[in-house]
Amino acid sequence: MQAEKQGGVGFLDKVEDWRTRARKIRLIAETMLDAASRQSLLQIADDWEQMANLAEESEEEIATEDAPIAE
């Protein structure tokens, strides 16, 4: 999924990377024996996922704002 850089801010090219990071961090968290460490990693993974979601939402809003108005 590539962002069109015309009207948007161009974050969509990073979204999959951020989701991949979140998945990898969750896998590492599953191996942690210490509950606090595991919880910290899960929070970091959630933050990466949230950043990806916000980037997608922002791009959609910008695309809507840039859309030509039908007459």
C-alpha atoms as a PDB file:
ATOM      1  CA  MET A   1       0.000   0.000   0.000  1.00  0.00           C
ATOM      2  CA  GLN A   2       1.726   3.170  -1.210  1.00  0.00           C
ATOM      3  CA  ALA A   3       0.690   6.696  -0.381  1.00  0.00           C
ATOM      4  CA  GLU A   4       0.053   9.128  -3.136  1.00  0.00           C
ATOM      5  CA  LYS A   5       2.143  12.104  -2.136  1.00  0.00           C
ATOM      6  CA  GLN A   6       0.010  14.655  -3.988  1.00  0.00           C
ATOM      7  CA  GLY A   7      -2.467  15.691  -1.317  1.00  0.00           C
ATOM      8  CA  GLY A   8      -1.588  13.448   1.620  1.00  0.00           C
ATOM      9  CA  VAL A   9       1.256  13.489   4.042  1.00  0.00           C
ATOM     10  CA  GLY A  10       2.698  10.222   2.745  1.00  0.00           C
ATOM     11  CA  PHE A  11       2.481   8.015   5.829  1.00  0.00           C
ATOM     12  CA  LEU A  12       0.796   5.066   4.130  1.00  0.00           C
ATOM     13  CA  ASP A  13       4.141   3.776   2.903  1.00  0.00           C
ATOM     14  CA  LYS A  14       5.098   3.344   6.589  1.00  0.00           C
ATOM     15  CA  VAL A  15       1.892   1.716   7.834  1.00  0.00           C
ATOM     16  CA  GLU A  16       2.850  -1.851   6.973  1.00  0.00           C
ATOM     17  CA  ASP A  17       6.293  -1.362   8.536  1.00  0.00           C
ATOM     18  CA  TRP A  18       4.666  -0.144  11.745  1.00  0.00           C
ATOM     19  CA  ARG A  19       2.255  -3.085  11.808  1.00  0.00           C
ATOM     20  CA  THR A  20       5.138  -5.496  11.183  1.00  0.00           C
ATOM     21  CA  ARG A  21       7.008  -3.975  14.128  1.00  0.00           C
ATOM     22  CA  ALA A  22       3.930  -4.407  16.298  1.00  0.00           C
ATOM     23  CA  ARG A  23       3.617  -8.089  15.315  1.00  0.00           C
ATOM     24  CA  LYS A  24       7.317  -8.750  16.000  1.00  0.00           C
ATOM     25  CA  ILE A  25       7.172  -7.027  19.365  1.00  0.00           C
ATOM     26  CA  ARG A  26       4.106  -9.068  20.340  1.00  0.00           C
ATOM     27  CA  LEU A  27       5.978 -12.266  19.458  1.00  0.00           C
ATOM     28  CA  ILE A  28       8.875 -11.206  21.645  1.00  0.00           C
ATOM     29  CA  ALA A  29       6.472 -10.281  24.456  1.00  0.00           C
ATOM     30  CA  GLU A  30       5.065 -13.813  24.415  1.00  0.00           C
ATOM     31  CA  THR A  31       8.515 -15.130  25.370  1.00  0.00           C
ATOM     32  CA  MET A  32       8.963 -12.786  28.327  1.00  0.00           C
ATOM     33  CA  LEU A  33       8.764 -14.384  31.743  1.00  0.00           C
ATOM     34  CA  ASP A  34       8.607 -11.088  33.601  1.00  0.00           C
ATOM     35  CA  ALA A  35       5.050  -9.753  33.555  1.00  0.00           C
ATOM     36  CA  ALA A  36       6.100  -6.092  33.699  1.00  0.00           C
ATOM     37  CA  SER A  37       8.458  -6.521  30.743  1.00  0.00           C
ATOM     38  CA  ARG A  38       5.802  -8.375  28.784  1.00  0.00           C
ATOM     39  CA  GLN A  39       3.238  -5.646  29.511  1.00  0.00           C
ATOM     40  CA  SER A  40       5.687  -2.922  28.473  1.00  0.00           C
ATOM     41  CA  LEU A  41       6.342  -4.630  25.155  1.00  0.00           C
ATOM     42  CA  LEU A  42       2.636  -5.160  24.539  1.00  0.00           C
ATOM     43  CA  GLN A  43       2.036  -1.450  25.178  1.00  0.00           C
ATOM     44  CA  ILE A  44       4.765  -0.556  22.682  1.00  0.00           C
ATOM     45  CA  ALA A  45       3.187  -2.885  20.118  1.00  0.00           C
ATOM     46  CA  ASP A  46      -0.208  -1.270  20.718  1.00  0.00           C
ATOM     47  CA  ASP A  47       1.376   2.154  20.209  1.00  0.00           C
ATOM     48  CA  TRP A  48       2.846   1.098  16.833  1.00  0.00           C
ATOM     49  CA  GLU A  49      -0.550  -0.254  15.805  1.00  0.00           C
ATOM     50  CA  GLN A  50      -2.283   2.945  16.893  1.00  0.00           C
ATOM     51  CA  MET A  51       0.199   5.026  14.921  1.00  0.00           C
ATOM     52  CA  ALA A  52      -0.560   2.958  11.810  1.00  0.00           C
ATOM     53  CA  ASN A  53      -4.309   3.388  12.328  1.00  0.00           C
ATOM     54  CA  LEU A  54      -3.992   7.145  12.839  1.00  0.00           C
ATOM     55  CA  ALA A  55      -1.861   7.486   9.706  1.00  0.00           C
ATOM     56  CA  GLU A  56      -4.495   5.662   7.660  1.00  0.00           C
ATOM     57  CA  GLU A  57      -7.275   7.811   9.096  1.00  0.00           C
ATOM     58  CA  SER A  58      -5.316  10.992   8.414  1.00  0.00           C
ATOM     59  CA  GLU A  59      -4.651  10.003   4.822  1.00  0.00           C
ATOM     60  CA  GLU A  60      -8.339   9.196   4.308  1.00  0.00           C
ATOM     61  CA  GLU A  61      -9.379  12.566   5.731  1.00  0.00           C
ATOM     62  CA  ILE A  62      -6.880  14.406   3.553  1.00  0.00           C
ATOM     63  CA  ALA A  63      -8.013  12.476   0.483  1.00  0.00           C
ATOM     64  CA  THR A  64     -11.611  13.428   1.251  1.00  0.00           C
ATOM     65  CA  GLU A  65     -10.675  17.090   1.663  1.00  0.00           C
ATOM     66  CA  ASP A  66      -8.712  17.054  -1.608  1.00  0.00           C
ATOM     67  CA  ALA A  67     -11.483  15.355  -3.579  1.00  0.00           C
ATOM     68  CA  PRO A  68     -13.055  17.548  -6.241  1.00  0.00           C
ATOM     69  CA  ILE A  69     -16.508  18.843  -5.427  1.00  0.00           C
ATOM     70  CA  ALA A  70     -19.170  17.461  -7.758  1.00  0.00           C
ATOM     71  CA  GLU A  71     -21.380  20.098  -9.298  1.00  0.00           C
END
